[in-house]
Protein backbone atom coordinates (compact mmCIF):
# COMPACT_ATOMS: atom_id res chain seq x y z
CA MET A 1 25.08 -19.53 -97.42
CA ALA A 2 26.18 -16.87 -99.96
CA GLY A 3 29.01 -17.41 -102.25
CA ALA A 4 31.25 -14.67 -103.45
CA LEU A 5 31.99 -12.12 -106.23
CA VAL A 6 35.70 -12.16 -106.99
CA LEU A 7 37.23 -9.44 -109.19
CA VAL A 8 39.94 -11.07 -111.15
CA GLY A 9 42.94 -8.94 -112.54
CA THR A 10 43.86 -10.27 -116.11
CA PRO A 11 46.99 -9.47 -118.35
CA ILE A 12 47.25 -5.99 -119.98
CA GLY A 13 49.13 -7.51 -122.84
CA ASN A 14 51.66 -10.22 -122.22
CA LEU A 15 49.55 -13.53 -121.15
CA GLY A 16 52.53 -14.58 -119.14
CA ASP A 17 51.55 -12.22 -116.63
CA ILE A 18 48.51 -14.10 -115.33
CA THR A 19 49.04 -14.92 -111.74
CA LEU A 20 48.62 -18.47 -110.18
CA ARG A 21 45.93 -17.20 -107.93
CA ALA A 22 44.01 -15.81 -110.98
CA ILE A 23 44.23 -19.17 -112.94
CA GLU A 24 43.05 -21.18 -109.84
CA THR A 25 40.23 -18.86 -109.36
CA LEU A 26 38.99 -18.87 -112.78
CA LYS A 27 39.31 -22.71 -112.88
CA THR A 28 37.35 -23.25 -109.52
CA ALA A 29 34.62 -20.36 -109.99
CA ASP A 30 31.08 -21.73 -110.56
CA GLY A 31 30.86 -19.21 -113.54
CA ILE A 32 32.81 -16.08 -115.01
CA ALA A 33 31.05 -12.81 -115.96
CA ALA A 34 33.03 -10.96 -118.46
CA GLU A 35 33.28 -7.46 -120.11
CA ASP A 36 33.82 -9.15 -123.57
CA THR A 37 33.08 -12.90 -123.75
CA ARG A 38 35.10 -13.46 -127.03
CA ARG A 39 38.07 -12.08 -125.32
CA THR A 40 37.77 -13.97 -122.12
CA ARG A 41 37.25 -17.37 -124.15
CA ALA A 42 40.53 -16.56 -125.75
CA LEU A 43 42.25 -16.03 -122.35
CA LEU A 44 40.61 -19.17 -120.92
CA SER A 45 41.57 -21.32 -124.04
CA HIS A 46 45.20 -19.99 -123.49
CA LEU A 47 44.91 -21.24 -119.92
CA GLY A 48 43.51 -24.55 -120.76
CA ILE A 49 40.14 -23.88 -118.94
CA ALA A 50 37.24 -25.42 -120.95
CA GLY A 51 33.46 -25.44 -120.19
CA LYS A 52 33.22 -22.66 -117.99
CA PRO A 53 29.91 -20.91 -118.12
CA LEU A 54 30.41 -17.24 -119.43
CA THR A 55 28.14 -14.22 -118.91
CA CYS A 56 28.38 -10.92 -120.52
CA LEU A 57 28.50 -8.11 -118.23
CA ASP A 58 29.96 -4.89 -119.90
CA ALA A 59 29.66 -1.09 -119.14
CA ASN A 60 26.21 -0.96 -120.35
CA ALA A 61 24.84 -3.77 -118.12
CA SER A 62 21.25 -3.16 -116.96
CA GLU A 63 20.36 -3.15 -113.16
CA ARG A 64 18.36 -6.29 -113.99
CA ALA A 65 21.48 -8.11 -115.42
CA ILE A 66 23.66 -6.99 -112.49
CA GLY A 67 20.92 -8.19 -110.13
CA ALA A 68 20.64 -11.55 -111.86
CA LEU A 69 24.35 -12.23 -111.50
CA LEU A 70 24.26 -11.29 -107.71
CA ASP A 71 21.19 -13.54 -107.32
CA ARG A 72 23.73 -16.56 -108.26
CA VAL A 73 26.21 -15.04 -105.69
CA ALA A 74 23.34 -14.95 -103.14
CA ALA A 75 22.34 -18.62 -103.79
CA GLY A 76 25.89 -19.63 -102.98
CA GLU A 77 27.96 -19.45 -106.28
CA THR A 78 31.35 -18.10 -106.59
CA VAL A 79 31.22 -15.81 -109.80
CA ALA A 80 34.60 -14.34 -111.15
CA PHE A 81 34.43 -11.11 -112.93
CA VAL A 82 37.02 -10.12 -115.46
CA THR A 83 37.49 -7.33 -117.87
CA ASP A 84 39.26 -7.28 -121.16
CA ALA A 85 42.65 -6.47 -119.60
CA GLY A 86 43.78 -5.33 -116.21
CA MET A 87 41.89 -4.71 -113.03
CA PRO A 88 38.18 -4.46 -113.02
CA ALA A 89 36.59 -1.13 -111.94
CA ILE A 90 39.76 0.93 -112.84
CA SER A 91 38.36 2.85 -115.99
CA ASP A 92 36.62 -0.44 -116.71
CA PRO A 93 33.23 -2.09 -115.80
CA GLY A 94 32.93 -3.35 -112.34
CA SER A 95 32.21 -0.46 -109.87
CA GLU A 96 28.59 -0.67 -110.13
CA LEU A 97 28.72 -4.44 -109.71
CA VAL A 98 30.63 -4.00 -106.51
CA ARG A 99 28.42 -1.32 -105.20
CA ALA A 100 25.32 -3.42 -105.93
CA ALA A 101 27.05 -6.45 -104.14
CA VAL A 102 27.84 -4.32 -101.14
CA ALA A 103 24.37 -3.12 -100.89
CA ARG A 104 23.18 -6.72 -100.61
CA SER A 105 25.88 -7.47 -98.14
CA LEU A 106 27.39 -9.99 -100.44
CA PRO A 107 30.94 -11.13 -100.07
CA VAL A 108 33.38 -9.41 -102.57
CA THR A 109 37.04 -10.00 -102.99
CA VAL A 110 39.93 -9.16 -105.28
CA VAL A 111 42.58 -11.20 -106.99
CA PRO A 112 44.93 -8.56 -107.78
CA GLY A 113 46.86 -8.71 -111.08
CA PRO A 114 48.46 -6.57 -113.64
CA SER A 115 47.71 -2.91 -113.83
CA ALA A 116 48.38 -0.38 -116.58
CA VAL A 117 48.42 2.37 -113.87
CA ALA A 118 51.23 0.78 -111.67
CA THR A 119 53.09 -0.41 -114.80
CA ALA A 120 53.32 3.06 -116.46
CA ILE A 121 54.01 4.70 -113.19
CA ALA A 122 57.17 2.44 -112.60
CA LEU A 123 58.36 2.82 -116.17
CA SER A 124 57.94 6.60 -116.26
CA GLY A 125 60.30 7.38 -113.44
CA LEU A 126 58.27 10.48 -112.81
CA VAL A 127 56.40 9.49 -109.54
CA ASP A 128 57.87 9.25 -106.05
CA SER A 129 54.95 8.97 -103.98
CA GLY A 130 51.27 10.16 -104.51
CA TYR A 131 49.62 10.70 -107.64
CA VAL A 132 46.19 11.76 -109.29
CA PHE A 133 44.49 9.17 -111.70
CA ALA A 134 42.42 10.92 -114.23
CA GLY A 135 41.56 7.94 -116.27
CA PHE A 136 40.10 8.64 -119.71
CA LEU A 137 39.41 12.37 -120.33
CA PRO A 138 35.97 13.53 -121.73
CA ARG A 139 36.38 13.58 -125.55
CA GLN A 140 35.08 17.07 -126.27
CA GLY A 141 33.20 20.02 -125.12
CA GLY A 142 33.26 22.08 -121.91
CA LYS A 143 33.70 18.80 -119.75
CA ARG A 144 36.98 18.07 -121.66
CA SER A 145 38.37 21.67 -121.22
CA ALA A 146 37.35 21.65 -117.41
CA ALA A 147 39.35 18.22 -117.06
CA LEU A 148 42.39 19.68 -118.87
CA ASP A 149 42.29 22.89 -116.64
CA ARG A 150 42.14 20.66 -113.43
CA ILE A 151 45.14 18.48 -114.58
CA ALA A 152 47.14 21.70 -115.38
CA ALA A 153 46.50 23.07 -112.05
CA THR A 154 47.26 19.83 -110.22
CA ALA A 155 50.67 19.84 -108.63
CA GLU A 156 50.93 16.20 -108.14
CA PRO A 157 51.89 13.71 -110.69
CA VAL A 158 48.86 12.72 -112.98
CA VAL A 159 48.06 9.44 -114.87
CA ILE A 160 45.89 9.55 -117.87
CA PHE A 161 44.65 6.78 -120.10
CA GLU A 162 44.04 7.53 -123.67
CA ALA A 163 42.51 5.44 -126.46
CA PRO A 164 44.32 4.71 -129.93
CA GLY A 165 44.30 7.81 -132.37
CA ARG A 166 43.67 10.29 -129.68
CA THR A 167 46.92 10.54 -128.03
CA LEU A 168 48.64 13.57 -130.20
CA GLY A 169 45.36 15.58 -129.72
CA THR A 170 45.55 15.07 -125.84
CA LEU A 171 49.30 15.88 -125.76
CA GLY A 172 48.54 19.01 -127.74
CA ASP A 173 45.71 20.29 -125.50
CA LEU A 174 48.16 19.65 -122.48
CA ALA A 175 50.90 21.33 -124.01
CA ALA A 176 48.97 24.28 -124.63
CA ARG A 177 48.33 24.67 -120.93
CA ILE A 178 51.51 23.21 -119.37
CA PRO A 179 54.17 23.04 -122.10
CA SER A 180 57.24 22.52 -119.82
CA ARG A 181 55.86 19.82 -117.56
CA PRO A 182 57.83 16.55 -117.91
CA ALA A 183 55.74 13.64 -119.23
CA ALA A 184 56.07 10.00 -120.28
CA VAL A 185 53.93 8.48 -122.89
CA CYS A 186 53.80 4.86 -122.37
CA ARG A 187 52.32 2.46 -124.98
CA GLU A 188 51.96 -1.25 -125.78
CA LEU A 189 52.72 -1.88 -122.09
CA THR A 190 54.09 -5.59 -121.51
CA LYS A 191 53.80 -6.28 -125.19
CA LEU A 192 56.77 -6.79 -127.66
CA HIS A 193 56.87 -3.40 -128.83
CA GLU A 194 56.51 -1.63 -125.46
CA GLU A 195 57.59 2.03 -125.71
CA ALA A 196 58.11 4.85 -123.28
CA LEU A 197 58.56 8.21 -124.85
CA ARG A 198 59.96 10.93 -122.32
CA GLY A 199 60.28 14.77 -122.54
CA THR A 200 58.27 17.89 -121.82
CA LEU A 201 54.63 17.95 -123.03
CA ALA A 202 55.80 20.76 -125.80
CA GLU A 203 58.51 18.16 -127.00
CA LEU A 204 56.12 15.16 -126.95
CA ALA A 205 53.17 17.12 -128.76
CA THR A 206 55.30 17.35 -131.82
CA GLN A 207 55.49 13.77 -132.72
CA ASP A 208 55.41 13.12 -136.39
CA ARG A 209 53.63 9.70 -136.09
CA GLU A 210 50.40 8.77 -134.45
CA LEU A 211 51.06 6.56 -131.42
CA LYS A 212 49.21 3.45 -131.93
CA GLY A 213 47.68 1.05 -129.12
CA GLU A 214 46.39 1.82 -125.72
CA VAL A 215 48.48 4.70 -124.07
CA VAL A 216 49.10 5.80 -120.55
CA ILE A 217 50.38 9.36 -120.13
CA VAL A 218 52.26 10.05 -117.00
CA LEU A 219 52.79 13.87 -116.10
CA GLY A 220 55.53 14.62 -113.66
CA ALA A 221 54.96 16.86 -110.43
CA MET A 222 54.49 20.44 -111.20
CA GLU A 223 57.70 22.52 -110.05
CA LEU A 224 56.37 25.21 -107.76
CA VAL A 225 58.47 28.09 -108.15
CA ALA A 226 58.63 30.24 -104.95
CA THR A 227 57.97 33.98 -105.39
CA LEU A 228 60.80 35.75 -103.53
CA PRO A 229 59.79 38.87 -101.28
CA THR A 230 60.16 42.34 -102.87
CA ASP A 231 62.64 44.99 -101.38
CA ASP A 232 59.39 46.58 -99.60
CA GLU A 233 58.31 43.19 -98.32
CA LEU A 234 61.92 42.60 -97.00
CA ASP A 235 62.15 46.20 -95.53
CA ALA A 236 58.84 45.74 -93.67
CA ARG A 237 59.88 42.48 -92.09
CA ILE A 238 63.30 44.12 -91.01
CA HIS A 239 61.43 47.12 -89.35
CA ASP A 240 59.01 44.66 -87.59
CA GLU A 241 61.94 42.56 -86.30
CA LEU A 242 63.98 45.59 -85.14
CA ALA A 243 60.94 47.15 -83.59
CA GLY A 244 60.42 43.86 -81.56
CA GLY A 245 64.03 44.37 -79.98
CA ALA A 246 65.90 41.71 -82.08
CA SER A 247 69.54 42.40 -82.86
CA ALA A 248 70.81 43.11 -86.42
CA ARG A 249 72.60 39.78 -86.46
CA ASP A 250 69.53 37.77 -85.43
CA VAL A 251 67.18 39.65 -87.82
CA ALA A 252 69.74 38.98 -90.64
CA ASP A 253 69.91 35.26 -89.84
CA ARG A 254 66.12 34.88 -89.69
CA LEU A 255 65.56 36.76 -92.96
CA THR A 256 68.28 35.45 -95.07
CA GLU A 257 66.55 32.02 -95.65
CA TRP A 258 63.12 33.68 -95.90
CA SER A 259 64.15 36.14 -98.50
CA GLY A 260 66.27 33.92 -100.71
CA ARG A 261 69.01 36.42 -100.64
CA PRO A 262 72.61 36.38 -99.39
CA ARG A 263 73.21 37.00 -95.84
CA ARG A 264 75.71 39.79 -96.55
CA GLN A 265 73.11 41.54 -98.61
CA VAL A 266 70.41 41.13 -95.95
CA TYR A 267 72.75 42.33 -93.15
CA ALA A 268 73.67 45.31 -94.93
CA ARG A 269 70.11 46.27 -95.63
CA VAL A 270 69.30 45.74 -91.80
CA ILE A 271 72.07 47.92 -90.77
CA ALA A 272 71.01 50.59 -93.18
CA LEU A 273 67.54 50.71 -91.98
CA SER A 274 68.43 50.39 -88.17
CA GLU A 275 70.32 53.74 -88.52
CA ARG A 276 67.35 55.63 -90.16
């Protein structure tokens, strides 16, 4: 009988955010695989969990290492997998491990926990429904430029992770493309010095201090400015409507909202064109 691979969400800053279910899972698992065993040992010590076998499985883990871990699951062990902070497999190791487990038809489950994405979205006040998660951007070259261009062209809110020391550079690159877009820079989430800086990208890019710590940048939705029809386009619609037998009043009613103009102005134009 196969055991299970359990992805366990861990605190992103404040250790008090660990869930009861996560604690129980870490206590009862046959073993724990971790992105950084030193960080995980510190968490386990805080939770009073001792003597738990730990295996390192970071972003550079080989297929052989992943296979060996899953052999233990296939043999009936329950193995918990944790990253340094937050949910595994979200801009963190874990995706390859899950794919390999699924390929072998091994049970995979998740113990949800703190997420920097959800925390920053809630704190920003800029997201009402859908959003695009961009993760960490490429650091340089054409791939970075292409990623920035895609973000600039995305109308939905966008969530970006940024590493310490790189935030101002990313804000500057974004401001060069979409300076008036509203944004929130969220740092030190759930920690003592949690901070959310809000403004347009142009404003945020002019910070006179480097923003330390892990950062989440949330961009608000792009305001789509409707292009109003020109006089010629309005006249063409009026001609078409009148040719179809519609009355001047009906034409004016239909085209007022479409044109974005006052009804009195549209009606006068309809009358003038109907008399030609």
